[in-house]
Protein backbone atom coordinates (compact mmCIF):
# COMPACT_ATOMS: atom_id res chain seq x y z
CA MET A 1 -24.71 -11.73 -87.94
CA PHE A 2 -21.40 -13.50 -87.59
CA LYS A 3 -20.80 -12.52 -83.89
CA ASN A 4 -21.82 -15.87 -82.50
CA ILE A 5 -20.28 -17.96 -85.22
CA SER A 6 -16.80 -19.42 -84.73
CA LEU A 7 -13.87 -18.12 -86.71
CA ARG A 8 -13.42 -21.49 -88.41
CA ILE A 9 -17.03 -21.43 -89.78
CA GLN A 10 -16.74 -17.78 -90.78
CA MET A 11 -13.59 -18.42 -92.80
CA THR A 12 -15.08 -21.55 -94.36
CA ILE A 13 -18.20 -19.55 -95.44
CA LEU A 14 -16.09 -16.72 -96.79
CA THR A 15 -13.72 -19.05 -98.70
CA THR A 16 -16.70 -21.11 -100.07
CA LEU A 17 -18.40 -18.00 -101.27
CA ILE A 18 -15.23 -16.94 -103.19
CA LEU A 19 -15.04 -20.45 -104.54
CA VAL A 20 -18.72 -20.33 -105.74
CA ILE A 21 -18.17 -17.01 -107.52
CA VAL A 22 -15.03 -18.30 -109.26
CA SER A 23 -16.64 -21.66 -110.10
CA VAL A 24 -19.81 -20.06 -111.56
CA ILE A 25 -17.73 -17.67 -113.71
CA LEU A 26 -15.54 -20.50 -114.97
CA THR A 27 -18.49 -22.81 -115.66
CA VAL A 28 -20.56 -20.20 -117.57
CA THR A 29 -17.40 -19.23 -119.54
CA SER A 30 -16.67 -22.85 -120.39
CA VAL A 31 -20.29 -23.52 -121.62
CA TYR A 32 -20.24 -20.35 -123.61
CA ASN A 33 -16.87 -21.19 -125.27
CA VAL A 34 -18.16 -24.75 -126.07
CA ASN A 35 -21.20 -23.22 -127.75
CA GLN A 36 -19.24 -20.75 -129.76
CA THR A 37 -16.30 -22.96 -130.79
CA LEU A 38 -17.93 -26.33 -131.23
CA VAL A 39 -21.69 -26.43 -131.28
CA ALA A 40 -22.37 -23.35 -133.38
CA PRO A 41 -20.07 -24.37 -136.23
CA MET A 42 -21.70 -27.83 -136.29
CA TYR A 43 -25.11 -26.36 -136.48
CA SER A 44 -24.03 -24.11 -139.21
CA ALA A 45 -22.61 -26.95 -141.26
CA LEU A 46 -25.63 -29.19 -140.76
CA THR A 47 -28.24 -26.55 -141.54
CA THR A 48 -26.63 -25.22 -144.72
CA ALA A 49 -28.00 -28.05 -146.95
CA PRO A 50 -31.41 -28.27 -145.29
CA SER A 51 -31.93 -24.58 -145.90
CA PHE A 52 -31.79 -25.12 -149.64
CA ILE A 53 -34.10 -28.15 -149.41
CA GLU A 54 -36.66 -26.45 -147.14
CA SER A 55 -36.87 -23.46 -149.40
CA GLY A 56 -37.66 -25.57 -152.45
CA GLN A 57 -40.83 -27.29 -153.53
CA TYR A 58 -41.56 -30.72 -155.02
CA LEU A 59 -41.38 -30.49 -158.77
CA ASP A 60 -43.24 -33.72 -159.08
CA SER A 61 -45.49 -35.06 -156.37
CA THR A 62 -44.77 -38.52 -157.47
CA ASN A 63 -41.04 -38.05 -157.25
CA PRO A 64 -39.94 -37.20 -153.76
CA TYR A 65 -36.29 -37.03 -154.80
CA MET A 66 -36.73 -33.87 -156.95
CA TYR A 67 -36.59 -30.41 -155.33
CA GLU A 68 -36.72 -26.96 -156.93
CA ILE A 69 -34.02 -24.71 -155.48
CA ASP A 70 -34.96 -21.84 -157.74
CA GLN A 71 -36.32 -21.43 -161.26
CA SER A 72 -33.13 -22.58 -162.92
CA ILE A 73 -31.58 -25.11 -160.47
CA GLU A 74 -32.66 -28.58 -159.57
CA PHE A 75 -31.31 -30.41 -156.60
CA MET A 76 -31.63 -34.11 -155.92
CA MET A 77 -31.40 -35.48 -152.27
CA PRO A 78 -32.75 -38.68 -150.78
CA VAL A 79 -35.30 -38.40 -148.07
CA GLU A 80 -33.03 -40.55 -145.76
CA SER A 81 -30.46 -37.76 -145.85
CA ILE A 82 -32.96 -35.22 -144.64
CA VAL A 83 -34.01 -37.49 -141.82
CA SER A 84 -30.34 -38.00 -140.87
CA LEU A 85 -29.72 -34.28 -140.67
CA SER A 86 -32.69 -33.72 -138.49
CA TYR A 87 -31.51 -36.50 -136.14
CA ALA A 88 -28.11 -35.01 -135.98
CA GLU A 89 -29.50 -31.71 -134.86
CA GLU A 90 -31.43 -33.44 -132.13
CA VAL A 91 -28.30 -35.34 -130.93
CA ILE A 92 -26.31 -32.10 -130.83
CA ALA A 93 -29.00 -30.31 -128.91
CA ALA A 94 -29.22 -33.17 -126.39
CA GLY A 95 -25.47 -33.39 -126.02
CA THR A 96 -25.22 -29.66 -125.43
CA SER A 97 -28.00 -29.81 -122.77
CA SER A 98 -26.24 -32.81 -121.14
CA PHE A 99 -22.94 -30.94 -121.18
CA ARG A 100 -24.53 -27.99 -119.46
CA LEU A 101 -26.08 -30.11 -116.75
CA SER A 102 -22.90 -32.04 -116.26
CA ALA A 103 -20.84 -28.86 -116.02
CA PHE A 104 -23.12 -27.24 -113.45
CA GLY A 105 -23.47 -30.56 -111.55
CA SER A 106 -19.78 -30.98 -111.38
CA MET A 107 -19.43 -27.38 -110.22
CA ILE A 108 -21.82 -28.01 -107.31
CA LEU A 109 -20.13 -31.25 -106.30
CA ILE A 110 -16.65 -29.57 -106.43
CA ILE A 111 -17.91 -26.67 -104.27
CA ILE A 112 -19.38 -29.11 -101.68
CA VAL A 113 -16.22 -31.23 -101.54
CA ALA A 114 -13.98 -28.10 -101.48
CA ALA A 115 -16.06 -26.52 -98.65
CA GLY A 116 -15.66 -29.67 -96.53
CA PHE A 117 -11.94 -29.82 -97.31
CA ILE A 118 -11.59 -26.11 -96.43
CA TYR A 119 -13.40 -26.67 -93.12
CA TYR A 120 -11.12 -29.56 -92.29
CA VAL A 121 -7.94 -27.77 -93.21
CA LEU A 122 -8.98 -24.60 -91.27
CA GLY A 123 -9.69 -26.82 -88.23
CA LYS A 124 -6.11 -28.07 -88.37
CA PHE A 125 -4.75 -24.56 -89.04
CA LEU A 126 -6.75 -22.96 -86.23
CA ASN A 127 -6.22 -25.64 -83.70
CA PRO A 128 -3.22 -23.81 -82.12
CA VAL A 129 -5.47 -20.66 -81.70
CA LYS A 130 -8.11 -22.78 -79.96
CA GLN A 131 -5.37 -24.26 -77.69
CA LEU A 132 -4.21 -20.70 -76.91
CA SER A 133 -7.82 -19.53 -76.20
CA ASP A 134 -8.43 -22.56 -73.89
CA GLU A 135 -5.27 -21.77 -71.94
CA ILE A 136 -6.18 -18.13 -71.64
CA GLU A 137 -9.61 -18.99 -70.26
CA LEU A 138 -7.98 -20.81 -67.36
CA ILE A 139 -6.21 -17.64 -66.23
CA ASN A 140 -8.07 -15.38 -63.80
CA GLU A 141 -7.33 -12.88 -61.08
CA LYS A 142 -6.45 -15.79 -58.73
CA ARG A 143 -4.05 -17.38 -61.23
CA LEU A 144 -2.14 -14.49 -62.65
CA SER A 145 1.13 -16.41 -62.05
CA GLN A 146 0.12 -19.03 -64.61
CA ARG A 147 1.78 -18.70 -68.00
CA LEU A 148 1.10 -20.04 -71.46
CA ILE A 149 3.34 -23.13 -71.64
CA GLY A 150 3.59 -26.08 -74.00
CA PHE A 151 2.50 -23.89 -76.95
CA ASN A 152 4.54 -25.26 -79.80
CA THR A 153 4.14 -23.05 -82.85
CA SER A 154 5.98 -20.37 -84.67
CA GLY A 155 5.38 -17.07 -86.33
CA GLU A 156 2.64 -14.69 -85.24
CA LEU A 157 1.02 -17.08 -82.76
CA GLN A 158 4.26 -17.64 -80.91
CA GLU A 159 4.80 -13.83 -80.79
CA LEU A 160 1.19 -13.49 -79.50
CA SER A 161 1.83 -16.05 -76.79
CA HIS A 162 5.13 -14.32 -75.80
CA SER A 163 3.44 -10.93 -75.64
CA PHE A 164 0.49 -12.23 -73.62
CA ASN A 165 2.97 -13.78 -71.09
CA MET A 166 4.74 -10.51 -70.83
CA MET A 167 1.40 -8.73 -70.27
CA LEU A 168 0.63 -11.33 -67.48
CA ASP A 169 3.95 -10.49 -65.92
CA ARG A 170 3.12 -6.78 -65.80
CA LEU A 171 -0.34 -7.51 -64.50
CA ASP A 172 0.98 -9.77 -61.84
CA ARG A 173 3.55 -7.25 -60.67
CA ALA A 174 0.86 -4.47 -60.65
CA PHE A 175 -1.64 -6.69 -58.79
CA GLU A 176 0.98 -7.63 -56.18
CA SER A 177 1.95 -4.00 -55.87
CA GLN A 178 -1.67 -3.07 -55.31
CA LYS A 179 -2.09 -5.78 -52.68
CA ARG A 180 1.03 -4.51 -50.83
CA PHE A 181 -0.16 -0.92 -51.15
CA SER A 182 -3.60 -1.86 -49.65
CA SER A 183 -1.96 -3.79 -46.85
CA ASP A 184 0.46 -1.01 -46.07
CA ALA A 185 -2.33 1.57 -46.18
CA ALA A 186 -4.44 -0.43 -43.80
CA HIS A 187 -1.47 -0.86 -41.50
CA GLU A 188 -0.72 2.90 -41.48
CA LEU A 189 -4.29 3.70 -40.66
CA LYS A 190 -4.50 0.97 -38.05
CA THR A 191 -1.40 2.23 -36.19
CA PRO A 192 -2.82 5.61 -34.94
CA LEU A 193 -6.15 4.02 -34.18
CA THR A 194 -4.38 1.46 -32.03
CA VAL A 195 -2.53 4.23 -30.18
CA LEU A 196 -5.80 6.06 -29.53
CA LYS A 197 -7.44 2.75 -28.32
CA THR A 198 -4.51 2.05 -25.98
CA LYS A 199 -4.77 5.54 -24.42
CA LEU A 200 -8.51 5.23 -23.99
CA ASP A 201 -8.07 1.77 -22.32
CA VAL A 202 -5.53 3.23 -19.86
CA LEU A 203 -7.84 6.08 -19.00
CA GLU A 204 -10.79 3.76 -18.54
CA MET A 205 -8.74 1.39 -16.18
CA ASP A 206 -7.25 4.29 -14.14
CA ALA A 207 -9.57 5.13 -11.30
CA ASN A 208 -7.64 8.28 -10.39
CA VAL A 209 -7.43 10.10 -13.72
CA GLU A 210 -6.10 13.64 -13.39
CA ILE A 211 -6.50 16.59 -15.73
CA ASP A 212 -2.98 16.15 -16.96
CA ASP A 213 -3.85 12.73 -18.19
CA TYR A 214 -6.75 14.02 -20.15
CA GLN A 215 -4.51 16.81 -21.58
CA ASN A 216 -1.94 14.25 -22.59
CA PHE A 217 -4.63 12.14 -24.28
CA VAL A 218 -5.90 15.12 -26.19
CA GLU A 219 -2.41 15.88 -27.45
CA VAL A 220 -1.85 12.27 -28.52
CA ALA A 221 -5.32 12.11 -30.17
CA LYS A 222 -4.67 15.38 -32.04
CA LYS A 223 -1.30 14.11 -33.30
CA GLN A 224 -2.66 10.79 -34.37
CA THR A 225 -5.62 12.36 -36.02
CA GLU A 226 -3.38 14.71 -38.03
CA ARG A 227 -1.35 11.75 -39.03
CA MET A 228 -4.43 9.93 -40.35
CA ILE A 229 -5.66 13.04 -42.17
CA ASN A 230 -2.27 13.43 -43.79
CA LEU A 231 -2.29 9.77 -44.81
CA VAL A 232 -5.81 10.00 -46.34
CA ASP A 233 -4.76 13.19 -48.21
CA HIS A 234 -1.73 11.38 -49.74
CA LEU A 235 -3.85 8.36 -50.64
CA PHE A 236 -6.36 10.65 -52.34
CA ILE A 237 -3.62 12.29 -54.30
CA LEU A 238 -2.26 8.94 -55.45
CA SER A 239 -5.67 7.74 -56.55
CA ALA A 240 -6.56 10.92 -58.46
CA GLN A 241 -3.31 11.58 -60.19
CA GLN A 242 -4.34 9.81 -63.43
CA ASP A 243 -6.92 12.49 -64.13
CA TYR A 244 -4.94 15.73 -64.17
CA GLU A 245 -3.64 17.51 -67.25
CA LEU A 246 -0.42 19.33 -67.98
CA SER A 247 -1.89 22.56 -69.41
CA ASP A 248 -0.83 25.27 -67.00
CA GLU A 249 1.82 27.91 -67.76
CA VAL A 250 3.80 27.79 -64.56
CA TYR A 251 6.39 30.41 -63.54
CA LEU A 252 8.71 28.33 -61.34
CA ASP A 253 10.04 31.22 -59.21
CA TYR A 254 6.46 31.82 -57.89
CA VAL A 255 6.11 28.12 -57.11
CA PHE A 256 9.21 28.02 -54.89
CA ILE A 257 8.46 31.39 -53.28
CA ASP A 258 4.95 30.22 -52.34
CA ILE A 259 6.33 26.99 -50.93
CA LEU A 260 8.90 28.68 -48.76
CA GLU A 261 6.33 31.19 -47.52
CA ASP A 262 3.94 28.38 -46.53
CA LEU A 263 6.80 26.60 -44.70
CA LYS A 264 8.23 29.73 -43.06
CA THR A 265 7.07 28.75 -39.63
CA ALA A 266 8.66 25.24 -39.83
CA ILE A 267 11.92 26.75 -41.17
CA GLU A 268 12.11 29.29 -38.37
CA SER A 269 11.34 26.68 -35.66
CA LYS A 270 14.65 24.93 -36.57
CA ASN A 271 16.60 28.10 -37.31
CA LEU A 272 17.37 26.93 -40.75
CA THR A 273 19.15 28.86 -43.46
CA VAL A 274 17.51 28.67 -46.90
CA GLU A 275 19.29 29.55 -50.15
CA TYR A 276 17.24 29.88 -53.33
CA GLU A 277 18.49 30.93 -56.79
CA PRO A 278 15.75 32.24 -58.98
CA CYS A 279 15.65 30.63 -62.40
CA ASP A 280 13.21 32.90 -64.32
CA ILE A 281 11.74 29.94 -66.21
CA THR A 282 8.17 29.24 -67.34
CA MET A 283 7.05 25.77 -68.34
CA THR A 284 3.85 23.89 -69.23
CA SER A 285 2.71 21.58 -66.40
CA ASN A 286 0.09 21.00 -63.77
CA GLN A 287 0.83 23.77 -61.20
CA ILE A 288 -0.96 22.08 -58.26
CA MET A 289 0.73 18.79 -58.64
CA LEU A 290 4.21 20.21 -59.38
CA THR A 291 3.91 22.51 -56.38
CA HIS A 292 2.96 19.51 -54.25
CA ALA A 293 5.97 17.55 -55.52
CA PHE A 294 8.48 20.25 -54.78
CA SER A 295 6.78 20.99 -51.46
CA ASN A 296 7.33 17.37 -50.44
CA LEU A 297 11.06 17.65 -51.13
CA ILE A 298 11.48 20.83 -49.23
CA GLN A 299 9.30 19.60 -46.35
CA ASN A 300 11.62 16.55 -46.06
CA ALA A 301 14.67 18.79 -46.09
CA ILE A 302 13.17 20.67 -43.19
CA LYS A 303 11.90 17.68 -41.16
CA TYR A 304 15.07 15.60 -41.36
CA ASN A 305 17.46 18.54 -40.93
CA HIS A 306 19.50 19.41 -37.88
CA ASP A 307 18.72 22.58 -35.91
CA LYS A 308 20.58 25.53 -37.49
CA GLY A 309 21.14 23.58 -40.55
CA SER A 310 20.82 24.71 -44.17
CA ILE A 311 18.72 24.09 -47.22
CA ALA A 312 19.79 25.04 -50.81
CA ILE A 313 17.42 25.10 -53.82
CA ARG A 314 19.50 25.37 -57.04
CA THR A 315 18.19 25.54 -60.51
CA SER A 316 19.98 25.43 -63.86
CA VAL A 317 19.22 24.76 -67.54
CA GLU A 318 21.04 22.22 -69.62
CA GLU A 319 20.02 21.14 -73.21
CA GLN A 320 16.36 22.13 -72.97
CA SER A 321 16.07 20.62 -69.54
CA LEU A 322 15.46 22.19 -66.17
CA ILE A 323 17.56 20.81 -63.28
CA VAL A 324 16.42 21.44 -59.76
CA GLU A 325 18.50 20.29 -56.71
CA VAL A 326 17.11 20.36 -53.17
CA ILE A 327 20.10 20.05 -50.85
CA ASP A 328 19.98 19.75 -47.07
CA THR A 329 22.46 19.19 -44.26
CA GLY A 330 20.27 16.72 -42.37
CA ILE A 331 20.63 13.14 -41.22
CA GLY A 332 20.88 11.65 -44.73
CA ILE A 333 19.84 8.21 -46.00
CA PRO A 334 21.94 5.04 -45.78
CA LYS A 335 23.24 3.95 -49.16
CA GLU A 336 21.71 0.43 -48.90
CA GLN A 337 18.27 1.93 -48.38
CA SER A 338 18.41 4.75 -50.88
CA GLU A 339 17.15 2.50 -53.74
CA HIS A 340 13.74 1.99 -51.96
CA ILE A 341 12.91 5.47 -50.75
CA PHE A 342 10.57 6.19 -53.74
CA ASN A 343 8.44 3.07 -52.94
CA ALA A 344 5.10 3.71 -51.34
CA PHE A 345 4.97 3.33 -47.53
CA TYR A 346 8.74 2.69 -47.36
CA CYS A 347 10.37 4.09 -44.24
CA VAL A 348 14.16 4.17 -43.82
CA GLU A 349 13.83 3.44 -40.14
CA PRO A 350 10.68 2.82 -38.01
CA SER A 351 12.06 5.12 -35.47
CA ARG A 352 12.09 8.00 -37.94
CA SER A 353 8.44 7.47 -38.67
CA ARG A 354 7.58 7.55 -34.97
CA LYS A 355 9.75 10.62 -34.34
CA PHE A 356 8.99 12.72 -37.47
CA GLY A 357 5.65 11.29 -38.51
CA GLY A 358 4.78 10.45 -42.12
CA ALA A 359 3.63 7.28 -43.84
CA GLY A 360 6.27 6.95 -46.53
CA LEU A 361 4.09 8.30 -49.35
CA GLY A 362 5.57 11.77 -49.94
CA LEU A 363 8.52 10.66 -52.17
CA ALA A 364 6.35 8.11 -53.94
CA ILE A 365 3.91 10.90 -54.95
CA THR A 366 6.81 13.18 -55.89
CA LYS A 367 8.34 10.58 -58.22
CA ASP A 368 4.93 9.84 -59.84
CA VAL A 369 4.34 13.50 -60.41
CA ILE A 370 7.79 14.13 -61.92
CA GLU A 371 7.54 11.12 -64.18
CA ARG A 372 4.11 12.25 -65.40
CA HIS A 373 5.91 15.51 -66.39
CA GLN A 374 8.26 13.30 -68.46
CA GLY A 375 11.05 14.08 -65.90
CA THR A 376 13.31 12.04 -63.59
CA ILE A 377 14.23 12.24 -59.94
CA GLU A 378 17.13 10.65 -58.09
CA TYR A 379 18.72 10.71 -54.68
CA LEU A 380 22.34 11.67 -54.17
CA PRO A 381 24.28 11.75 -50.88
CA ASN A 382 25.62 15.15 -49.77
CA SER A 383 29.31 15.14 -49.31
CA ASP A 384 28.84 17.57 -46.33
CA GLY A 385 26.24 15.32 -44.86
CA GLY A 386 22.52 15.21 -45.62
CA SER A 387 20.74 14.62 -48.86
CA ILE A 388 20.50 15.86 -52.44
CA PHE A 389 17.36 15.31 -54.53
CA LYS A 390 17.97 15.96 -58.17
CA VAL A 391 15.04 16.66 -60.49
CA ILE A 392 15.29 16.99 -64.30
CA LEU A 393 12.27 18.30 -66.27
CA PRO A 394 11.97 19.05 -70.03
CA ILE A 395 11.15 22.66 -70.80
């Protein structure tokens, strides 16, 4: 009923209804009190004498001044007095009726005037709210950088304005992040397609194409296709992460053993030494996503390691927290770039991406998964060369 009515009118109606109820109660109470304390005693005083007279009879029809009150008492009263008493009763009745009409009329007038005054005051009071609403309506997806300015008020409305500006800051950052993400994703998908198109153009222009050229193209096409598949898989994981639940009872030793078994071929291809210390810990998490996160760390330790290097996976428990460190003896990460490695699509060096592959999404996914498990992840340089990724998870 009130959905399409402004807040100002709603509050005016509500306040007026309360005023009507109070006014009616006060008016009825006033009329009742006047009747009981003033009119009723007057009527009682005036009707006492006439009651004696009206109960009597004329003793003598020729003498209108003589009444019989009872068998033994005689009472003398002029006819003019009787007329005066009757007139007084009529005046009191008329006055009482006039008072009632005046009281209820005044009540209606007061309610009308008060409703108008309330509407006016509420307009002044709610004017900052309207200004705030008008400014908010001007903000859309193309103007997220605009803020509520020139809003001079205090109290709750000022806090609301400040909170709204803070929300706009977060939305603006998220929107810009999504635009960068989309742009980077498009760029990463475009790069392998460009490579394939270039190879096809070369083959098309070469009149003397040999079998080795075709074989080379097949290898390039296979590599670039795998790169695109890997990128799409990572993008799918990033988009679907908000839906998973942390309800699996996960035995961590099995997680690391399965990861190392899956990566056995890659480990052996570089003659790497892997050290793992069993932790014998079970925790509640999402097994698939947690496995994917640790697998990303170990894959990086393999990919960016030197031949005949080493990888250590160390676990410990401190104050109800599990600490996992993945340590490698690889090429490491420059200090000035280590702060950005968890950003989506960030690559330490373009040459690394070309040499080792990857789109810069692995660590971004890992960080997101760890944080969704209420944990933290940080990068530390290895004093012996290489990298250390330290993960802390509550257990």
